[in-house]
Amino acid sequence: MKNWIAKYQKAIVGTGAVSVLLICFLQQKELSKLRAEVKQVRAVTDSLQAEIYPCQIELGRFQTAYQIFIKRNPKAASQYGDIISDETE
């Protein structure tokens, strides 16, 4: 066994080096694919965030208006709250 390893040492080391290079190449190829996917996901996320932003603003306005409504007319606000929670599901 020792003689065999000594005889084929260069071939073994060369094969190992080529294998490591091949593995590194394939990993880099996979990483580049994953980076491209991350860019696409970020683009979609940014797009969705841009679409939802006006809705968030409008929701905040409705919540503020509802709080004001509760202070000004508690009875009507209570009825409105009951309608929202019970009749619009």
PDB file of N, CA and C in Angstrom:
ATOM      1  N   MET A   1       0.825  -1.188   0.000  1.00  0.00           N
ATOM      2  CA  MET A   1       0.000   0.000   0.000  1.00  0.00           C
ATOM      3  C   MET A   1       0.872   1.255   0.000  1.00  0.00           C
ATOM      4  N   LYS A   2       1.907   1.227   0.841  1.00  0.00           N
ATOM      5  CA  LYS A   2       2.815   2.358   0.911  1.00  0.00           C
ATOM      6  C   LYS A   2       3.487   2.599  -0.434  1.00  0.00           C
ATOM      7  N   ASN A   3       3.922   1.520  -1.052  1.00  0.00           N
ATOM      8  CA  ASN A   3       4.586   1.635  -2.349  1.00  0.00           C
ATOM      9  C   ASN A   3       3.627   2.168  -3.409  1.00  0.00           C
ATOM     10  N   TRP A   4       2.390   1.687  -3.347  1.00  0.00           N
ATOM     11  CA  TRP A   4       1.385   2.139  -4.323  1.00  0.00           C
ATOM     12  C   TRP A   4       1.139   3.631  -4.186  1.00  0.00           C
ATOM     13  N   ILE A   5       0.993   4.129  -2.935  1.00  0.00           N
ATOM     14  CA  ILE A   5       0.784   5.554  -2.685  1.00  0.00           C
ATOM     15  C   ILE A   5       1.989   6.354  -3.155  1.00  0.00           C
ATOM     16  N   ALA A   6       3.175   5.878  -2.854  1.00  0.00           N
ATOM     17  CA  ALA A   6       4.389   6.577  -3.283  1.00  0.00           C
ATOM     18  C   ALA A   6       4.477   6.619  -4.801  1.00  0.00           C
ATOM     19  N   LYS A   7       4.080   5.523  -5.455  1.00  0.00           N
ATOM     20  CA  LYS A   7       4.157   5.436  -6.914  1.00  0.00           C
ATOM     21  C   LYS A   7       3.176   6.402  -7.592  1.00  0.00           C
ATOM     22  N   TYR A   8       1.971   6.483  -7.026  1.00  0.00           N
ATOM     23  CA  TYR A   8       0.921   7.294  -7.652  1.00  0.00           C
ATOM     24  C   TYR A   8       0.639   8.599  -6.898  1.00  0.00           C
ATOM     25  N   GLN A   9       1.603   9.066  -6.147  1.00  0.00           N
ATOM     26  CA  GLN A   9       1.413  10.254  -5.315  1.00  0.00           C
ATOM     27  C   GLN A   9       1.016  11.469  -6.153  1.00  0.00           C
ATOM     28  N   LYS A  10       1.700  11.699  -7.246  1.00  0.00           N
ATOM     29  CA  LYS A  10       1.393  12.868  -8.088  1.00  0.00           C
ATOM     30  C   LYS A  10      -0.012  12.763  -8.679  1.00  0.00           C
ATOM     31  N   ALA A  11      -0.379  11.585  -9.107  1.00  0.00           N
ATOM     32  CA  ALA A  11      -1.717  11.392  -9.678  1.00  0.00           C
ATOM     33  C   ALA A  11      -2.790  11.596  -8.617  1.00  0.00           C
ATOM     34  N   ILE A  12      -2.553  11.104  -7.407  1.00  0.00           N
ATOM     35  CA  ILE A  12      -3.518  11.256  -6.321  1.00  0.00           C
ATOM     36  C   ILE A  12      -3.672  12.729  -5.959  1.00  0.00           C
ATOM     37  N   VAL A  13      -2.553  13.423  -5.822  1.00  0.00           N
ATOM     38  CA  VAL A  13      -2.604  14.846  -5.481  1.00  0.00           C
ATOM     39  C   VAL A  13      -3.258  15.640  -6.608  1.00  0.00           C
ATOM     40  N   GLY A  14      -2.933  15.322  -7.843  1.00  0.00           N
ATOM     41  CA  GLY A  14      -3.528  16.014  -8.991  1.00  0.00           C
ATOM     42  C   GLY A  14      -5.029  15.793  -9.058  1.00  0.00           C
ATOM     43  N   THR A  15      -5.452  14.555  -8.843  1.00  0.00           N
ATOM     44  CA  THR A  15      -6.881  14.251  -8.849  1.00  0.00           C
ATOM     45  C   THR A  15      -7.592  14.985  -7.722  1.00  0.00           C
ATOM     46  N   GLY A  16      -6.970  15.015  -6.560  1.00  0.00           N
ATOM     47  CA  GLY A  16      -7.557  15.744  -5.431  1.00  0.00           C
ATOM     48  C   GLY A  16      -7.681  17.223  -5.720  1.00  0.00           C
ATOM     49  N   ALA A  17      -6.640  17.801  -6.325  1.00  0.00           N
ATOM     50  CA  ALA A  17      -6.666  19.231  -6.643  1.00  0.00           C
ATOM     51  C   ALA A  17      -7.752  19.550  -7.665  1.00  0.00           C
ATOM     52  N   VAL A  18      -7.868  18.712  -8.692  1.00  0.00           N
ATOM     53  CA  VAL A  18      -8.905  18.915  -9.713  1.00  0.00           C
ATOM     54  C   VAL A  18     -10.291  18.772  -9.085  1.00  0.00           C
ATOM     55  N   SER A  19     -10.435  17.807  -8.188  1.00  0.00           N
ATOM     56  CA  SER A  19     -11.720  17.623  -7.510  1.00  0.00           C
ATOM     57  C   SER A  19     -12.095  18.846  -6.682  1.00  0.00           C
ATOM     58  N   VAL A  20     -11.140  19.387  -5.952  1.00  0.00           N
ATOM     59  CA  VAL A  20     -11.404  20.580  -5.143  1.00  0.00           C
ATOM     60  C   VAL A  20     -11.769  21.757  -6.037  1.00  0.00           C
ATOM     61  N   LEU A  21     -11.049  21.933  -7.143  1.00  0.00           N
ATOM     62  CA  LEU A  21     -11.370  23.016  -8.069  1.00  0.00           C
ATOM     63  C   LEU A  21     -12.764  22.851  -8.664  1.00  0.00           C
ATOM     64  N   LEU A  22     -13.121  21.630  -9.012  1.00  0.00           N
ATOM     65  CA  LEU A  22     -14.448  21.362  -9.566  1.00  0.00           C
ATOM     66  C   LEU A  22     -15.536  21.672  -8.543  1.00  0.00           C
ATOM     67  N   ILE A  23     -15.324  21.259  -7.313  1.00  0.00           N
ATOM     68  CA  ILE A  23     -16.295  21.538  -6.248  1.00  0.00           C
ATOM     69  C   ILE A  23     -16.435  23.044  -6.038  1.00  0.00           C
ATOM     70  N   CYS A  24     -15.319  23.753  -6.009  1.00  0.00           N
ATOM     71  CA  CYS A  24     -15.355  25.213  -5.849  1.00  0.00           C
ATOM     72  C   CYS A  24     -16.104  25.873  -7.007  1.00  0.00           C
ATOM     73  N   PHE A  25     -15.853  25.416  -8.215  1.00  0.00           N
ATOM     74  CA  PHE A  25     -16.533  25.972  -9.382  1.00  0.00           C
ATOM     75  C   PHE A  25     -18.035  25.761  -9.287  1.00  0.00           C
ATOM     76  N   LEU A  26     -18.444  24.537  -8.943  1.00  0.00           N
ATOM     77  CA  LEU A  26     -19.876  24.239  -8.841  1.00  0.00           C
ATOM     78  C   LEU A  26     -20.534  25.034  -7.716  1.00  0.00           C
ATOM     79  N   GLN A  27     -19.823  25.226  -6.614  1.00  0.00           N
ATOM     80  CA  GLN A  27     -20.372  26.030  -5.523  1.00  0.00           C
ATOM     81  C   GLN A  27     -20.533  27.490  -5.941  1.00  0.00           C
ATOM     82  N   GLN A  28     -19.564  28.016  -6.671  1.00  0.00           N
ATOM     83  CA  GLN A  28     -19.671  29.393  -7.141  1.00  0.00           C
ATOM     84  C   GLN A  28     -20.836  29.564  -8.116  1.00  0.00           C
ATOM     85  N   LYS A  29     -21.032  28.559  -8.954  1.00  0.00           N
ATOM     86  CA  LYS A  29     -22.150  28.587  -9.896  1.00  0.00           C
ATOM     87  C   LYS A  29     -23.482  28.596  -9.138  1.00  0.00           C
ATOM     88  N   GLU A  30     -23.597  27.759  -8.123  1.00  0.00           N
ATOM     89  CA  GLU A  30     -24.814  27.704  -7.304  1.00  0.00           C
ATOM     90  C   GLU A  30     -25.014  29.016  -6.543  1.00  0.00           C
ATOM     91  N   LEU A  31     -23.938  29.585  -6.013  1.00  0.00           N
ATOM     92  CA  LEU A  31     -24.037  30.857  -5.299  1.00  0.00           C
ATOM     93  C   LEU A  31     -24.521  31.974  -6.217  1.00  0.00           C
ATOM     94  N   SER A  32     -24.046  31.981  -7.443  1.00  0.00           N
ATOM     95  CA  SER A  32     -24.495  33.027  -8.365  1.00  0.00           C
ATOM     96  C   SER A  32     -25.985  32.883  -8.672  1.00  0.00           C
ATOM     97  N   LYS A  33     -26.479  31.649  -8.777  1.00  0.00           N
ATOM     98  CA  LYS A  33     -27.916  31.421  -8.971  1.00  0.00           C
ATOM     99  C   LYS A  33     -28.706  31.938  -7.770  1.00  0.00           C
ATOM    100  N   LEU A  34     -28.227  31.613  -6.574  1.00  0.00           N
ATOM    101  CA  LEU A  34     -28.918  32.041  -5.365  1.00  0.00           C
ATOM    102  C   LEU A  34     -28.913  33.561  -5.230  1.00  0.00           C
ATOM    103  N   ARG A  35     -27.814  34.196  -5.589  1.00  0.00           N
ATOM    104  CA  ARG A  35     -27.757  35.657  -5.533  1.00  0.00           C
ATOM    105  C   ARG A  35     -28.755  36.278  -6.501  1.00  0.00           C
ATOM    106  N   ALA A  36     -28.898  35.687  -7.677  1.00  0.00           N
ATOM    107  CA  ALA A  36     -29.875  36.185  -8.645  1.00  0.00           C
ATOM    108  C   ALA A  36     -31.294  36.026  -8.097  1.00  0.00           C
ATOM    109  N   GLU A  37     -31.563  34.901  -7.436  1.00  0.00           N
ATOM    110  CA  GLU A  37     -32.883  34.689  -6.844  1.00  0.00           C
ATOM    111  C   GLU A  37     -33.150  35.705  -5.738  1.00  0.00           C
ATOM    112  N   VAL A  38     -32.139  36.004  -4.941  1.00  0.00           N
ATOM    113  CA  VAL A  38     -32.297  36.985  -3.872  1.00  0.00           C
ATOM    114  C   VAL A  38     -32.636  38.349  -4.459  1.00  0.00           C
ATOM    115  N   LYS A  39     -31.986  38.713  -5.564  1.00  0.00           N
ATOM    116  CA  LYS A  39     -32.279  39.989  -6.212  1.00  0.00           C
ATOM    117  C   LYS A  39     -33.726  40.033  -6.688  1.00  0.00           C
ATOM    118  N   GLN A  40     -34.207  38.914  -7.250  1.00  0.00           N
ATOM    119  CA  GLN A  40     -35.588  38.866  -7.713  1.00  0.00           C
ATOM    120  C   GLN A  40     -36.566  38.979  -6.545  1.00  0.00           C
ATOM    121  N   VAL A  41     -36.264  38.289  -5.460  1.00  0.00           N
ATOM    122  CA  VAL A  41     -37.137  38.339  -4.285  1.00  0.00           C
ATOM    123  C   VAL A  41     -37.161  39.759  -3.715  1.00  0.00           C
ATOM    124  N   ARG A  42     -36.009  40.403  -3.672  1.00  0.00           N
ATOM    125  CA  ARG A  42     -35.956  41.785  -3.190  1.00  0.00           C
ATOM    126  C   ARG A  42     -36.781  42.709  -4.074  1.00  0.00           C
ATOM    127  N   ALA A  43     -36.702  42.497  -5.381  1.00  0.00           N
ATOM    128  CA  ALA A  43     -37.467  43.341  -6.305  1.00  0.00           C
ATOM    129  C   ALA A  43     -38.967  43.150  -6.078  1.00  0.00           C
ATOM    130  N   VAL A  44     -39.391  41.914  -5.903  1.00  0.00           N
ATOM    131  CA  VAL A  44     -40.812  41.641  -5.658  1.00  0.00           C
ATOM    132  C   VAL A  44     -41.232  42.234  -4.318  1.00  0.00           C
ATOM    133  N   THR A  45     -40.399  42.069  -3.299  1.00  0.00           N
ATOM    134  CA  THR A  45     -40.704  42.606  -1.975  1.00  0.00           C
ATOM    135  C   THR A  45     -40.834  44.125  -2.029  1.00  0.00           C
ATOM    136  N   ASP A  46     -39.908  44.778  -2.707  1.00  0.00           N
ATOM    137  CA  ASP A  46     -39.977  46.233  -2.835  1.00  0.00           C
ATOM    138  C   ASP A  46     -41.245  46.660  -3.568  1.00  0.00           C
ATOM    139  N   SER A  47     -41.599  45.920  -4.601  1.00  0.00           N
ATOM    140  CA  SER A  47     -42.798  46.230  -5.367  1.00  0.00           C
ATOM    141  C   SER A  47     -44.044  46.085  -4.502  1.00  0.00           C
ATOM    142  N   LEU A  48     -44.105  44.990  -3.750  1.00  0.00           N
ATOM    143  CA  LEU A  48     -45.266  44.786  -2.885  1.00  0.00           C
ATOM    144  C   LEU A  48     -45.339  45.833  -1.780  1.00  0.00           C
ATOM    145  N   GLN A  49     -44.189  46.193  -1.245  1.00  0.00           N
ATOM    146  CA  GLN A  49     -44.151  47.236  -0.210  1.00  0.00           C
ATOM    147  C   GLN A  49     -44.666  48.554  -0.775  1.00  0.00           C
ATOM    148  N   ALA A  50     -44.280  48.867  -2.008  1.00  0.00           N
ATOM    149  CA  ALA A  50     -44.740  50.100  -2.645  1.00  0.00           C
ATOM    150  C   ALA A  50     -46.250  50.065  -2.879  1.00  0.00           C
ATOM    151  N   GLU A  51     -46.783  48.889  -3.192  1.00  0.00           N
ATOM    152  CA  GLU A  51     -48.218  48.772  -3.424  1.00  0.00           C
ATOM    153  C   GLU A  51     -49.013  48.862  -2.125  1.00  0.00           C
ATOM    154  N   ILE A  52     -48.479  48.342  -1.042  1.00  0.00           N
ATOM    155  CA  ILE A  52     -49.215  48.306   0.214  1.00  0.00           C
ATOM    156  C   ILE A  52     -49.124  49.625   0.980  1.00  0.00           C
ATOM    157  N   TYR A  53     -48.134  50.435   0.691  1.00  0.00           N
ATOM    158  CA  TYR A  53     -47.931  51.679   1.441  1.00  0.00           C
ATOM    159  C   TYR A  53     -49.159  52.585   1.426  1.00  0.00           C
ATOM    160  N   PRO A  54     -49.777  52.853   0.283  1.00  0.00           N
ATOM    161  CA  PRO A  54     -50.986  53.701   0.305  1.00  0.00           C
ATOM    162  C   PRO A  54     -52.111  53.097   1.154  1.00  0.00           C
ATOM    163  N   CYS A  55     -52.231  51.787   1.146  1.00  0.00           N
ATOM    164  CA  CYS A  55     -53.253  51.127   1.961  1.00  0.00           C
ATOM    165  C   CYS A  55     -52.971  51.300   3.448  1.00  0.00           C
ATOM    166  N   GLN A  56     -51.697  51.250   3.814  1.00  0.00           N
ATOM    167  CA  GLN A  56     -51.328  51.459   5.214  1.00  0.00           C
ATOM    168  C   GLN A  56     -51.649  52.886   5.648  1.00  0.00           C
ATOM    169  N   ILE A  57     -51.400  53.847   4.785  1.00  0.00           N
ATOM    170  CA  ILE A  57     -51.714  55.242   5.091  1.00  0.00           C
ATOM    171  C   ILE A  57     -53.218  55.402   5.281  1.00  0.00           C
ATOM    172  N   GLU A  58     -53.985  54.830   4.357  1.00  0.00           N
ATOM    173  CA  GLU A  58     -55.443  54.937   4.444  1.00  0.00           C
ATOM    174  C   GLU A  58     -55.972  54.249   5.704  1.00  0.00           C
ATOM    175  N   LEU A  59     -55.422  53.100   6.026  1.00  0.00           N
ATOM    176  CA  LEU A  59     -55.836  52.404   7.245  1.00  0.00           C
ATOM    177  C   LEU A  59     -55.552  53.247   8.482  1.00  0.00           C
ATOM    178  N   GLY A  60     -54.401  53.874   8.522  1.00  0.00           N
ATOM    179  CA  GLY A  60     -54.066  54.750   9.644  1.00  0.00           C
ATOM    180  C   GLY A  60     -55.048  55.898   9.775  1.00  0.00           C
ATOM    181  N   ARG A  61     -55.458  56.448   8.651  1.00  0.00           N
ATOM    182  CA  ARG A  61     -56.445  57.538   8.674  1.00  0.00           C
ATOM    183  C   ARG A  61     -57.790  57.053   9.202  1.00  0.00           C
ATOM    184  N   PHE A  62     -58.209  55.881   8.758  1.00  0.00           N
ATOM    185  CA  PHE A  62     -59.476  55.329   9.246  1.00  0.00           C
ATOM    186  C   PHE A  62     -59.411  55.037  10.752  1.00  0.00           C
ATOM    187  N   GLN A  63     -58.297  54.517  11.212  1.00  0.00           N
ATOM    188  CA  GLN A  63     -58.155  54.235  12.639  1.00  0.00           C
ATOM    189  C   GLN A  63     -58.187  55.524  13.459  1.00  0.00           C
ATOM    190  N   THR A  64     -57.512  56.550  12.974  1.00  0.00           N
ATOM    191  CA  THR A  64     -57.526  57.842  13.670  1.00  0.00           C
ATOM    192  C   THR A  64     -58.933  58.436  13.664  1.00  0.00           C
ATOM    193  N   ALA A  65     -59.602  58.366  12.511  1.00  0.00           N
ATOM    194  CA  ALA A  65     -60.965  58.893  12.420  1.00  0.00           C
ATOM    195  C   ALA A  65     -61.908  58.128  13.350  1.00  0.00           C
ATOM    196  N   TYR A  66     -61.714  56.824  13.460  1.00  0.00           N
ATOM    197  CA  TYR A  66     -62.557  56.019  14.346  1.00  0.00           C
ATOM    198  C   TYR A  66     -62.338  56.404  15.808  1.00  0.00           C
ATOM    199  N   GLN A  67     -61.101  56.678  16.187  1.00  0.00           N
ATOM    200  CA  GLN A  67     -60.813  57.120  17.559  1.00  0.00           C
ATOM    201  C   GLN A  67     -61.482  58.472  17.843  1.00  0.00           C
ATOM    202  N   ILE A  68     -61.436  59.365  16.871  1.00  0.00           N
ATOM    203  CA  ILE A  68     -62.106  60.660  17.025  1.00  0.00           C
ATOM    204  C   ILE A  68     -63.622  60.453  17.116  1.00  0.00           C
ATOM    205  N   PHE A  69     -64.147  59.562  16.289  1.00  0.00           N
ATOM    206  CA  PHE A  69     -65.577  59.248  16.284  1.00  0.00           C
ATOM    207  C   PHE A  69     -66.013  58.694  17.639  1.00  0.00           C
ATOM    208  N   ILE A  70     -65.186  57.853  18.252  1.00  0.00           N
ATOM    209  CA  ILE A  70     -65.503  57.301  19.572  1.00  0.00           C
ATOM    210  C   ILE A  70     -65.621  58.427  20.600  1.00  0.00           C
ATOM    211  N   LYS A  71     -64.750  59.415  20.536  1.00  0.00           N
ATOM    212  CA  LYS A  71     -64.786  60.536  21.486  1.00  0.00           C
ATOM    213  C   LYS A  71     -66.001  61.428  21.254  1.00  0.00           C
ATOM    214  N   ARG A  72     -66.347  61.670  19.984  1.00  0.00           N
ATOM    215  CA  ARG A  72     -67.427  62.604  19.667  1.00  0.00           C
ATOM    216  C   ARG A  72     -68.815  61.989  19.807  1.00  0.00           C
ATOM    217  N   ASN A  73     -68.935  60.731  19.431  1.00  0.00           N
ATOM    218  CA  ASN A  73     -70.262  60.101  19.463  1.00  0.00           C
ATOM    219  C   ASN A  73     -70.093  58.636  19.872  1.00  0.00           C
ATOM    220  N   PRO A  74     -69.936  58.373  21.174  1.00  0.00           N
ATOM    221  CA  PRO A  74     -69.647  57.017  21.630  1.00  0.00           C
ATOM    222  C   PRO A  74     -70.727  55.999  21.268  1.00  0.00           C
ATOM    223  N   LYS A  75     -71.990  56.410  21.317  1.00  0.00           N
ATOM    224  CA  LYS A  75     -73.075  55.474  21.019  1.00  0.00           C
ATOM    225  C   LYS A  75     -73.017  55.022  19.556  1.00  0.00           C
ATOM    226  N   ALA A  76     -72.896  55.975  18.648  1.00  0.00           N
ATOM    227  CA  ALA A  76     -72.823  55.637  17.225  1.00  0.00           C
ATOM    228  C   ALA A  76     -71.547  54.851  16.927  1.00  0.00           C
ATOM    229  N   ALA A  77     -70.449  55.210  17.578  1.00  0.00           N
ATOM    230  CA  ALA A  77     -69.193  54.493  17.372  1.00  0.00           C
ATOM    231  C   ALA A  77     -69.312  53.051  17.846  1.00  0.00           C
ATOM    232  N   SER A  78     -70.040  52.856  18.945  1.00  0.00           N
ATOM    233  CA  SER A  78     -70.258  51.495  19.452  1.00  0.00           C
ATOM    234  C   SER A  78     -71.069  50.676  18.448  1.00  0.00           C
ATOM    235  N   GLN A  79     -72.114  51.310  17.896  1.00  0.00           N
ATOM    236  CA  GLN A  79     -72.921  50.616  16.887  1.00  0.00           C
ATOM    237  C   GLN A  79     -72.085  50.294  15.643  1.00  0.00           C
ATOM    238  N   TYR A  80     -71.273  51.247  15.242  1.00  0.00           N
ATOM    239  CA  TYR A  80     -70.396  51.043  14.089  1.00  0.00           C
ATOM    240  C   TYR A  80     -69.414  49.893  14.362  1.00  0.00           C
ATOM    241  N   GLY A  81     -68.831  49.857  15.559  1.00  0.00           N
ATOM    242  CA  GLY A  81     -67.931  48.776  15.944  1.00  0.00           C
ATOM    243  C   GLY A  81     -68.609  47.424  15.930  1.00  0.00           C
ATOM    244  N   ASP A  82     -69.870  47.393  16.390  1.00  0.00           N
ATOM    245  CA  ASP A  82     -70.628  46.138  16.349  1.00  0.00           C
ATOM    246  C   ASP A  82     -70.880  45.692  14.912  1.00  0.00           C
ATOM    247  N   ILE A  83     -71.207  46.640  14.055  1.00  0.00           N
ATOM    248  CA  ILE A  83     -71.425  46.307  12.641  1.00  0.00           C
ATOM    249  C   ILE A  83     -70.159  45.735  12.033  1.00  0.00           C
ATOM    250  N   ILE A  84     -69.025  46.392  12.295  1.00  0.00           N
ATOM    251  CA  ILE A  84     -67.742  45.935  11.725  1.00  0.00           C
ATOM    252  C   ILE A  84     -67.389  44.538  12.228  1.00  0.00           C
ATOM    253  N   SER A  85     -67.569  44.295  13.508  1.00  0.00           N
ATOM    254  CA  SER A  85     -67.121  43.022  14.071  1.00  0.00           C
ATOM    255  C   SER A  85     -68.113  41.881  13.830  1.00  0.00           C
ATOM    256  N   ASP A  86     -69.407  42.196  13.725  1.00  0.00           N
ATOM    257  CA  ASP A  86     -70.402  41.120  13.634  1.00  0.00           C
ATOM    258  C   ASP A  86     -70.976  40.906  12.245  1.00  0.00           C
ATOM    259  N   GLU A  87     -71.174  41.972  11.504  1.00  0.00           N
ATOM    260  CA  GLU A  87     -71.927  41.856  10.264  1.00  0.00           C
ATOM    261  C   GLU A  87     -71.087  41.884   8.991  1.00  0.00           C
ATOM    262  N   THR A  88     -69.799  42.054   9.095  1.00  0.00           N
ATOM    263  CA  THR A  88     -68.982  42.153   7.877  1.00  0.00           C
ATOM    264  C   THR A  88     -67.979  41.016   7.750  1.00  0.00           C
ATOM    265  N   GLU A  89     -68.211  39.931   8.434  1.00  0.00           N
ATOM    266  CA  GLU A  89     -67.254  38.802   8.362  1.00  0.00           C
ATOM    267  C   GLU A  89     -67.470  37.972   7.138  1.00  0.00           C
TER     268      GLU A  89
END
